């Protein structure tokens, strides 16, 4: 069974997002930050902190995320994840 991330957005109903195989447990992700489209595929991407590891959750389709990639294990637990845009 695929892992499911449950989110609420601006008072909307609960929404389940199916994560790809190999993604960390949703319960271990804190925080999860929307990052816009970091890959240029036209889909929303997220960054998530899992213990001290930084993960990218790539290609949000409205119900699923295409890929989960651990970017680094370099002690991100003492840093804040922020995004910026133009």
PDB file of N, CA and C in Angstrom:
ATOM      1  N   UNK A   1       0.835  -1.179   0.000  1.00  0.00           N
ATOM      2  CA  UNK A   1       0.000   0.000   0.000  1.00  0.00           C
ATOM      3  C   UNK A   1       0.880   1.242   0.000  1.00  0.00           C
ATOM      4  N   UNK A   2       0.538   2.204  -0.827  1.00  0.00           N
ATOM      5  CA  UNK A   2       1.308   3.439  -0.934  1.00  0.00           C
ATOM      6  C   UNK A   2       1.099   4.315   0.291  1.00  0.00           C
ATOM      7  N   UNK A   3       2.156   5.040   0.657  1.00  0.00           N
ATOM      8  CA  UNK A   3       2.038   5.992   1.759  1.00  0.00           C
ATOM      9  C   UNK A   3       1.165   7.147   1.309  1.00  0.00           C
ATOM     10  N   UNK A   4       0.402   7.699   2.238  1.00  0.00           N
ATOM     11  CA  UNK A   4      -0.488   8.815   1.919  1.00  0.00           C
ATOM     12  C   UNK A   4      -0.203   9.980   2.849  1.00  0.00           C
ATOM     13  N   UNK A   5      -0.043  11.115   2.259  1.00  0.00           N
ATOM     14  CA  UNK A   5       0.148  12.351   2.984  1.00  0.00           C
ATOM     15  C   UNK A   5      -1.200  13.054   3.011  1.00  0.00           C
ATOM     16  N   UNK A   6      -1.684  13.413   4.174  1.00  0.00           N
ATOM     17  CA  UNK A   6      -2.985  14.082   4.287  1.00  0.00           C
ATOM     18  C   UNK A   6      -2.731  15.556   4.563  1.00  0.00           C
ATOM     19  N   UNK A   7      -3.377  16.412   3.786  1.00  0.00           N
ATOM     20  CA  UNK A   7      -3.182  17.843   4.004  1.00  0.00           C
ATOM     21  C   UNK A   7      -4.520  18.567   3.996  1.00  0.00           C
ATOM     22  N   UNK A   8      -4.544  19.702   4.630  1.00  0.00           N
ATOM     23  CA  UNK A   8      -5.689  20.606   4.583  1.00  0.00           C
ATOM     24  C   UNK A   8      -5.159  21.921   4.032  1.00  0.00           C
ATOM     25  N   UNK A   9      -5.955  22.568   3.226  1.00  0.00           N
ATOM     26  CA  UNK A   9      -5.515  23.806   2.611  1.00  0.00           C
ATOM     27  C   UNK A   9      -6.595  24.874   2.722  1.00  0.00           C
ATOM     28  N   UNK A  10      -6.293  25.934   3.440  1.00  0.00           N
ATOM     29  CA  UNK A  10      -7.171  27.098   3.538  1.00  0.00           C
ATOM     30  C   UNK A  10      -8.621  26.728   3.839  1.00  0.00           C
ATOM     31  N   UNK A  11      -8.835  25.858   4.813  1.00  0.00           N
ATOM     32  CA  UNK A  11     -10.181  25.498   5.229  1.00  0.00           C
ATOM     33  C   UNK A  11     -10.879  24.510   4.318  1.00  0.00           C
ATOM     34  N   UNK A  12     -10.199  24.023   3.292  1.00  0.00           N
ATOM     35  CA  UNK A  12     -10.805  23.054   2.388  1.00  0.00           C
ATOM     36  C   UNK A  12     -10.897  21.693   3.059  1.00  0.00           C
ATOM     37  N   UNK A  13     -11.613  20.800   2.419  1.00  0.00           N
ATOM     38  CA  UNK A  13     -11.737  19.435   2.921  1.00  0.00           C
ATOM     39  C   UNK A  13     -10.371  18.745   2.915  1.00  0.00           C
ATOM     40  N   UNK A  14     -10.281  17.723   3.708  1.00  0.00           N
ATOM     41  CA  UNK A  14      -9.072  16.921   3.800  1.00  0.00           C
ATOM     42  C   UNK A  14      -8.744  16.308   2.444  1.00  0.00           C
ATOM     43  N   UNK A  15      -7.472  16.294   2.076  1.00  0.00           N
ATOM     44  CA  UNK A  15      -7.051  15.732   0.801  1.00  0.00           C
ATOM     45  C   UNK A  15      -5.895  14.763   1.042  1.00  0.00           C
ATOM     46  N   UNK A  16      -6.000  13.565   0.479  1.00  0.00           N
ATOM     47  CA  UNK A  16      -4.927  12.590   0.578  1.00  0.00           C
ATOM     48  C   UNK A  16      -4.088  12.646  -0.680  1.00  0.00           C
ATOM     49  N   UNK A  17      -2.773  12.638  -0.505  1.00  0.00           N
ATOM     50  CA  UNK A  17      -1.831  12.644  -1.614  1.00  0.00           C
ATOM     51  C   UNK A  17      -1.038  11.346  -1.553  1.00  0.00           C
ATOM     52  N   UNK A  18      -1.022  10.599  -2.633  1.00  0.00           N
ATOM     53  CA  UNK A  18      -0.308   9.318  -2.677  1.00  0.00           C
ATOM     54  C   UNK A  18       1.156   9.579  -3.003  1.00  0.00           C
ATOM     55  N   UNK A  19       2.026   9.083  -2.144  1.00  0.00           N
ATOM     56  CA  UNK A  19       3.466   9.254  -2.313  1.00  0.00           C
ATOM     57  C   UNK A  19       4.058   8.072  -3.074  1.00  0.00           C
ATOM     58  N   UNK A  20       5.157   8.287  -3.800  1.00  0.00           N
ATOM     59  CA  UNK A  20       5.779   7.197  -4.554  1.00  0.00           C
ATOM     60  C   UNK A  20       6.499   6.210  -3.645  1.00  0.00           C
ATOM     61  N   UNK A  21       6.755   5.031  -4.160  1.00  0.00           N
ATOM     62  CA  UNK A  21       7.544   4.028  -3.448  1.00  0.00           C
ATOM     63  C   UNK A  21       8.905   4.613  -3.105  1.00  0.00           C
ATOM     64  N   UNK A  22       9.372   4.379  -1.901  1.00  0.00           N
ATOM     65  CA  UNK A  22      10.664   4.888  -1.461  1.00  0.00           C
ATOM     66  C   UNK A  22      10.590   6.225  -0.753  1.00  0.00           C
ATOM     67  N   UNK A  23       9.420   6.845  -0.753  1.00  0.00           N
ATOM     68  CA  UNK A  23       9.254   8.118  -0.044  1.00  0.00           C
ATOM     69  C   UNK A  23       9.272   7.855   1.458  1.00  0.00           C
ATOM     70  N   UNK A  24       9.739   8.816   2.244  1.00  0.00           N
ATOM     71  CA  UNK A  24       9.694   8.644   3.691  1.00  0.00           C
ATOM     72  C   UNK A  24       8.256   8.658   4.197  1.00  0.00           C
ATOM     73  N   UNK A  25       8.065   8.158   5.378  1.00  0.00           N
ATOM     74  CA  UNK A  25       6.745   8.156   6.006  1.00  0.00           C
ATOM     75  C   UNK A  25       6.253   9.587   6.172  1.00  0.00           C
ATOM     76  N   UNK A  26       5.002   9.857   5.818  1.00  0.00           N
ATOM     77  CA  UNK A  26       4.462  11.208   6.003  1.00  0.00           C
ATOM     78  C   UNK A  26       4.530  11.676   7.451  1.00  0.00           C
ATOM     79  N   UNK A  27       4.417  10.760   8.394  1.00  0.00           N
ATOM     80  CA  UNK A  27       4.474  11.123   9.808  1.00  0.00           C
ATOM     81  C   UNK A  27       5.849  11.664  10.203  1.00  0.00           C
ATOM     82  N   UNK A  28       6.882  11.331   9.423  1.00  0.00           N
ATOM     83  CA  UNK A  28       8.235  11.785   9.742  1.00  0.00           C
ATOM     84  C   UNK A  28       8.591  13.116   9.095  1.00  0.00           C
ATOM     85  N   UNK A  29       7.711  13.671   8.256  1.00  0.00           N
ATOM     86  CA  UNK A  29       7.992  14.920   7.539  1.00  0.00           C
ATOM     87  C   UNK A  29       7.551  16.118   8.352  1.00  0.00           C
ATOM     88  N   UNK A  30       8.514  16.960   8.734  1.00  0.00           N
ATOM     89  CA  UNK A  30       8.178  18.167   9.477  1.00  0.00           C
ATOM     90  C   UNK A  30       9.317  19.166   9.350  1.00  0.00           C
ATOM     91  N   UNK A  31       9.143  20.228   8.639  1.00  0.00           N
ATOM     92  CA  UNK A  31       7.965  20.706   7.947  1.00  0.00           C
ATOM     93  C   UNK A  31       7.914  20.210   6.502  1.00  0.00           C
ATOM     94  N   UNK A  32       6.808  20.501   5.832  1.00  0.00           N
ATOM     95  CA  UNK A  32       6.652  20.311   4.392  1.00  0.00           C
ATOM     96  C   UNK A  32       6.365  21.698   3.823  1.00  0.00           C
ATOM     97  N   UNK A  33       7.146  22.108   2.814  1.00  0.00           N
ATOM     98  CA  UNK A  33       7.040  23.455   2.273  1.00  0.00           C
ATOM     99  C   UNK A  33       6.826  23.386   0.768  1.00  0.00           C
ATOM    100  N   UNK A  34       5.782  24.032   0.266  1.00  0.00           N
ATOM    101  CA  UNK A  34       5.565  24.123  -1.178  1.00  0.00           C
ATOM    102  C   UNK A  34       6.676  24.981  -1.769  1.00  0.00           C
ATOM    103  N   UNK A  35       7.261  24.516  -2.866  1.00  0.00           N
ATOM    104  CA  UNK A  35       8.413  25.199  -3.447  1.00  0.00           C
ATOM    105  C   UNK A  35       8.156  25.712  -4.854  1.00  0.00           C
ATOM    106  N   UNK A  36       6.896  25.731  -5.282  1.00  0.00           N
ATOM    107  CA  UNK A  36       6.616  26.122  -6.665  1.00  0.00           C
ATOM    108  C   UNK A  36       7.031  25.000  -7.602  1.00  0.00           C
ATOM    109  N   UNK A  37       7.477  25.344  -8.781  1.00  0.00           N
ATOM    110  CA  UNK A  37       7.905  24.358  -9.769  1.00  0.00           C
ATOM    111  C   UNK A  37       9.425  24.395  -9.889  1.00  0.00           C
ATOM    112  N   UNK A  38      10.133  23.651  -9.062  1.00  0.00           N
ATOM    113  CA  UNK A  38      11.602  23.696  -9.058  1.00  0.00           C
ATOM    114  C   UNK A  38      12.220  22.880 -10.187  1.00  0.00           C
ATOM    115  N   UNK A  39      11.443  22.010 -10.830  1.00  0.00           N
ATOM    116  CA  UNK A  39      11.994  21.159 -11.883  1.00  0.00           C
ATOM    117  C   UNK A  39      11.637  21.616 -13.289  1.00  0.00           C
ATOM    118  N   UNK A  40      10.730  22.565 -13.417  1.00  0.00           N
ATOM    119  CA  UNK A  40      10.348  23.071 -14.725  1.00  0.00           C
ATOM    120  C   UNK A  40       9.379  22.195 -15.493  1.00  0.00           C
ATOM    121  N   UNK A  41       8.713  21.264 -14.802  1.00  0.00           N
ATOM    122  CA  UNK A  41       7.768  20.367 -15.475  1.00  0.00           C
ATOM    123  C   UNK A  41       6.331  20.876 -15.437  1.00  0.00           C
ATOM    124  N   UNK A  42       6.130  22.063 -14.863  1.00  0.00           N
ATOM    125  CA  UNK A  42       4.791  22.635 -14.791  1.00  0.00           C
ATOM    126  C   UNK A  42       3.964  22.151 -13.611  1.00  0.00           C
ATOM    127  N   UNK A  43       4.551  21.372 -12.722  1.00  0.00           N
ATOM    128  CA  UNK A  43       3.835  20.834 -11.563  1.00  0.00           C
ATOM    129  C   UNK A  43       4.475  21.349 -10.267  1.00  0.00           C
ATOM    130  N   UNK A  44       3.672  21.470  -9.230  1.00  0.00           N
ATOM    131  CA  UNK A  44       4.158  21.931  -7.931  1.00  0.00           C
ATOM    132  C   UNK A  44       5.088  20.897  -7.309  1.00  0.00           C
ATOM    133  N   UNK A  45       6.136  21.373  -6.660  1.00  0.00           N
ATOM    134  CA  UNK A  45       7.084  20.524  -5.941  1.00  0.00           C
ATOM    135  C   UNK A  45       7.139  20.986  -4.485  1.00  0.00           C
ATOM    136  N   UNK A  46       7.622  20.116  -3.614  1.00  0.00           N
ATOM    137  CA  UNK A  46       7.704  20.406  -2.187  1.00  0.00           C
ATOM    138  C   UNK A  46       9.085  20.046  -1.665  1.00  0.00           C
ATOM    139  N   UNK A  47       9.499  20.709  -0.596  1.00  0.00           N
ATOM    140  CA  UNK A  47      10.649  20.282   0.198  1.00  0.00           C
ATOM    141  C   UNK A  47      10.106  19.770   1.526  1.00  0.00           C
ATOM    142  N   UNK A  48      10.739  18.740   2.064  1.00  0.00           N
ATOM    143  CA  UNK A  48      10.342  18.206   3.369  1.00  0.00           C
ATOM    144  C   UNK A  48      11.588  17.861   4.168  1.00  0.00           C
ATOM    145  N   UNK A  49      11.509  18.101   5.453  1.00  0.00           N
ATOM    146  CA  UNK A  49      12.578  17.717   6.362  1.00  0.00           C
ATOM    147  C   UNK A  49      12.165  16.428   7.051  1.00  0.00           C
ATOM    148  N   UNK A  50      13.040  15.436   6.980  1.00  0.00           N
ATOM    149  CA  UNK A  50      12.809  14.146   7.635  1.00  0.00           C
ATOM    150  C   UNK A  50      14.012  13.903   8.543  1.00  0.00           C
ATOM    151  N   UNK A  51      13.779  14.082   9.841  1.00  0.00           N
ATOM    152  CA  UNK A  51      14.860  14.084  10.827  1.00  0.00           C
ATOM    153  C   UNK A  51      15.920  15.094  10.400  1.00  0.00           C
ATOM    154  N   UNK A  52      17.098  14.681   9.959  1.00  0.00           N
ATOM    155  CA  UNK A  52      18.131  15.628   9.528  1.00  0.00           C
ATOM    156  C   UNK A  52      18.290  15.657   8.012  1.00  0.00           C
ATOM    157  N   UNK A  53      17.466  14.920   7.280  1.00  0.00           N
ATOM    158  CA  UNK A  53      17.577  14.819   5.822  1.00  0.00           C
ATOM    159  C   UNK A  53      16.631  15.785   5.123  1.00  0.00           C
ATOM    160  N   UNK A  54      17.097  16.389   4.022  1.00  0.00           N
ATOM    161  CA  UNK A  54      16.261  17.243   3.189  1.00  0.00           C
ATOM    162  C   UNK A  54      15.795  16.436   1.979  1.00  0.00           C
ATOM    163  N   UNK A  55      14.478  16.394   1.772  1.00  0.00           N
ATOM    164  CA  UNK A  55      13.872  15.657   0.659  1.00  0.00           C
ATOM    165  C   UNK A  55      13.165  16.605  -0.290  1.00  0.00           C
ATOM    166  N   UNK A  56      13.154  16.254  -1.584  1.00  0.00           N
ATOM    167  CA  UNK A  56      12.346  16.940  -2.588  1.00  0.00           C
ATOM    168  C   UNK A  56      11.234  15.991  -3.006  1.00  0.00           C
ATOM    169  N   UNK A  57      10.006  16.472  -2.975  1.00  0.00           N
ATOM    170  CA  UNK A  57       8.838  15.717  -3.432  1.00  0.00           C
ATOM    171  C   UNK A  57       8.418  16.373  -4.740  1.00  0.00           C
ATOM    172  N   UNK A  58       8.624  15.668  -5.833  1.00  0.00           N
ATOM    173  CA  UNK A  58       8.574  16.250  -7.175  1.00  0.00           C
ATOM    174  C   UNK A  58       7.314  15.829  -7.928  1.00  0.00           C
ATOM    175  N   UNK A  59       6.703  16.781  -8.618  1.00  0.00           N
ATOM    176  CA  UNK A  59       5.637  16.486  -9.565  1.00  0.00           C
ATOM    177  C   UNK A  59       4.282  16.204  -8.955  1.00  0.00           C
ATOM    178  N   UNK A  60       3.727  17.170  -8.229  1.00  0.00           N
ATOM    179  CA  UNK A  60       2.411  17.010  -7.628  1.00  0.00           C
ATOM    180  C   UNK A  60       1.343  17.114  -8.716  1.00  0.00           C
ATOM    181  N   UNK A  61       0.517  16.080  -8.848  1.00  0.00           N
ATOM    182  CA  UNK A  61      -0.508  15.993  -9.890  1.00  0.00           C
ATOM    183  C   UNK A  61      -1.910  16.276  -9.368  1.00  0.00           C
ATOM    184  N   UNK A  62      -2.064  16.647  -8.118  1.00  0.00           N
ATOM    185  CA  UNK A  62      -3.389  16.849  -7.547  1.00  0.00           C
ATOM    186  C   UNK A  62      -3.843  15.669  -6.717  1.00  0.00           C
ATOM    187  N   UNK A  63      -3.286  14.511  -6.954  1.00  0.00           N
ATOM    188  CA  UNK A  63      -3.596  13.323  -6.153  1.00  0.00           C
ATOM    189  C   UNK A  63      -2.343  12.518  -5.839  1.00  0.00           C
ATOM    190  N   UNK A  64      -1.292  12.697  -6.624  1.00  0.00           N
ATOM    191  CA  UNK A  64      -0.062  11.935  -6.414  1.00  0.00           C
ATOM    192  C   UNK A  64       1.155  12.845  -6.541  1.00  0.00           C
ATOM    193  N   UNK A  65       2.254  12.362  -6.000  1.00  0.00           N
ATOM    194  CA  UNK A  65       3.564  12.977  -6.196  1.00  0.00           C
ATOM    195  C   UNK A  65       4.395  11.959  -6.968  1.00  0.00           C
ATOM    196  N   UNK A  66       5.026  12.399  -8.044  1.00  0.00           N
ATOM    197  CA  UNK A  66       5.736  11.489  -8.949  1.00  0.00           C
ATOM    198  C   UNK A  66       7.000  10.878  -8.353  1.00  0.00           C
ATOM    199  N   UNK A  67       7.789  11.708  -7.656  1.00  0.00           N
ATOM    200  CA  UNK A  67       9.114  11.257  -7.230  1.00  0.00           C
ATOM    201  C   UNK A  67       9.468  11.855  -5.876  1.00  0.00           C
ATOM    202  N   UNK A  68      10.154  11.075  -5.064  1.00  0.00           N
ATOM    203  CA  UNK A  68      10.697  11.563  -3.796  1.00  0.00           C
ATOM    204  C   UNK A  68      12.196  11.301  -3.813  1.00  0.00           C
ATOM    205  N   UNK A  69      12.974  12.369  -3.623  1.00  0.00           N
ATOM    206  CA  UNK A  69      14.427  12.250  -3.700  1.00  0.00           C
ATOM    207  C   UNK A  69      15.063  12.863  -2.472  1.00  0.00           C
ATOM    208  N   UNK A  70      15.902  12.089  -1.797  1.00  0.00           N
ATOM    209  CA  UNK A  70      16.665  12.660  -0.678  1.00  0.00           C
ATOM    210  C   UNK A  70      17.781  13.502  -1.274  1.00  0.00           C
ATOM    211  N   UNK A  71      17.800  14.780  -0.938  1.00  0.00           N
ATOM    212  CA  UNK A  71      18.802  15.691  -1.488  1.00  0.00           C
ATOM    213  C   UNK A  71      20.081  15.703  -0.671  1.00  0.00           C
ATOM    214  N   UNK A  72      19.948  15.654   0.647  1.00  0.00           N
ATOM    215  CA  UNK A  72      21.125  15.689   1.495  1.00  0.00           C
ATOM    216  C   UNK A  72      20.788  15.149   2.887  1.00  0.00           C
ATOM    217  N   UNK A  73      21.803  14.650   3.538  1.00  0.00           N
ATOM    218  CA  UNK A  73      21.668  14.202   4.923  1.00  0.00           C
ATOM    219  C   UNK A  73      22.550  15.057   5.825  1.00  0.00           C
ATOM    220  N   UNK A  74      22.775  16.299   5.417  1.00  0.00           N
ATOM    221  CA  UNK A  74      23.733  17.174   6.088  1.00  0.00           C
ATOM    222  C   UNK A  74      23.085  18.050   7.158  1.00  0.00           C
ATOM    223  N   UNK A  75      22.537  17.450   8.175  1.00  0.00           N
ATOM    224  CA  UNK A  75      22.032  18.147   9.356  1.00  0.00           C
ATOM    225  C   UNK A  75      21.140  19.348   9.055  1.00  0.00           C
ATOM    226  N   UNK A  76      20.052  19.106   8.355  1.00  0.00           N
ATOM    227  CA  UNK A  76      19.085  20.153   8.058  1.00  0.00           C
ATOM    228  C   UNK A  76      18.147  20.422   9.222  1.00  0.00           C
ATOM    229  N   UNK A  77      18.242  19.652  10.288  1.00  0.00           N
ATOM    230  CA  UNK A  77      17.338  19.845  11.418  1.00  0.00           C
ATOM    231  C   UNK A  77      17.576  21.160  12.148  1.00  0.00           C
ATOM    232  N   UNK A  78      18.710  21.789  11.945  1.00  0.00           N
ATOM    233  CA  UNK A  78      18.990  23.077  12.598  1.00  0.00           C
ATOM    234  C   UNK A  78      18.817  24.250  11.633  1.00  0.00           C
ATOM    235  N   UNK A  79      18.198  24.006  10.478  1.00  0.00           N
ATOM    236  CA  UNK A  79      17.988  25.046   9.481  1.00  0.00           C
ATOM    237  C   UNK A  79      16.498  25.188   9.194  1.00  0.00           C
ATOM    238  N   UNK A  80      16.124  26.318   8.655  1.00  0.00           N
ATOM    239  CA  UNK A  80      14.747  26.545   8.245  1.00  0.00           C
ATOM    240  C   UNK A  80      14.655  26.390   6.731  1.00  0.00           C
ATOM    241  N   UNK A  81      13.555  25.813   6.276  1.00  0.00           N
ATOM    242  CA  UNK A  81      13.299  25.712   4.845  1.00  0.00           C
ATOM    243  C   UNK A  81      12.411  26.900   4.473  1.00  0.00           C
ATOM    244  N   UNK A  82      12.891  27.712   3.549  1.00  0.00           N
ATOM    245  CA  UNK A  82      12.110  28.839   3.046  1.00  0.00           C
ATOM    246  C   UNK A  82      12.143  28.802   1.530  1.00  0.00           C
ATOM    247  N   UNK A  83      11.148  29.389   0.910  1.00  0.00           N
ATOM    248  CA  UNK A  83      11.144  29.500  -0.545  1.00  0.00           C
ATOM    249  C   UNK A  83      10.904  30.952  -0.906  1.00  0.00           C
ATOM    250  N   UNK A  84      11.315  31.309  -2.060  1.00  0.00           N
ATOM    251  CA  UNK A  84      11.099  32.659  -2.544  1.00  0.00           C
ATOM    252  C   UNK A  84      10.689  32.619  -3.991  1.00  0.00           C
ATOM    253  N   UNK A  85      10.104  33.655  -4.450  1.00  0.00           N
ATOM    254  CA  UNK A  85       9.696  33.702  -5.847  1.00  0.00           C
ATOM    255  C   UNK A  85       9.745  35.112  -6.371  1.00  0.00           C
ATOM    256  N   UNK A  86       9.541  35.209  -7.668  1.00  0.00           N
ATOM    257  CA  UNK A  86       9.544  36.533  -8.286  1.00  0.00           C
ATOM    258  C   UNK A  86       8.186  36.851  -8.847  1.00  0.00           C
TER     259      UNK A  86
END
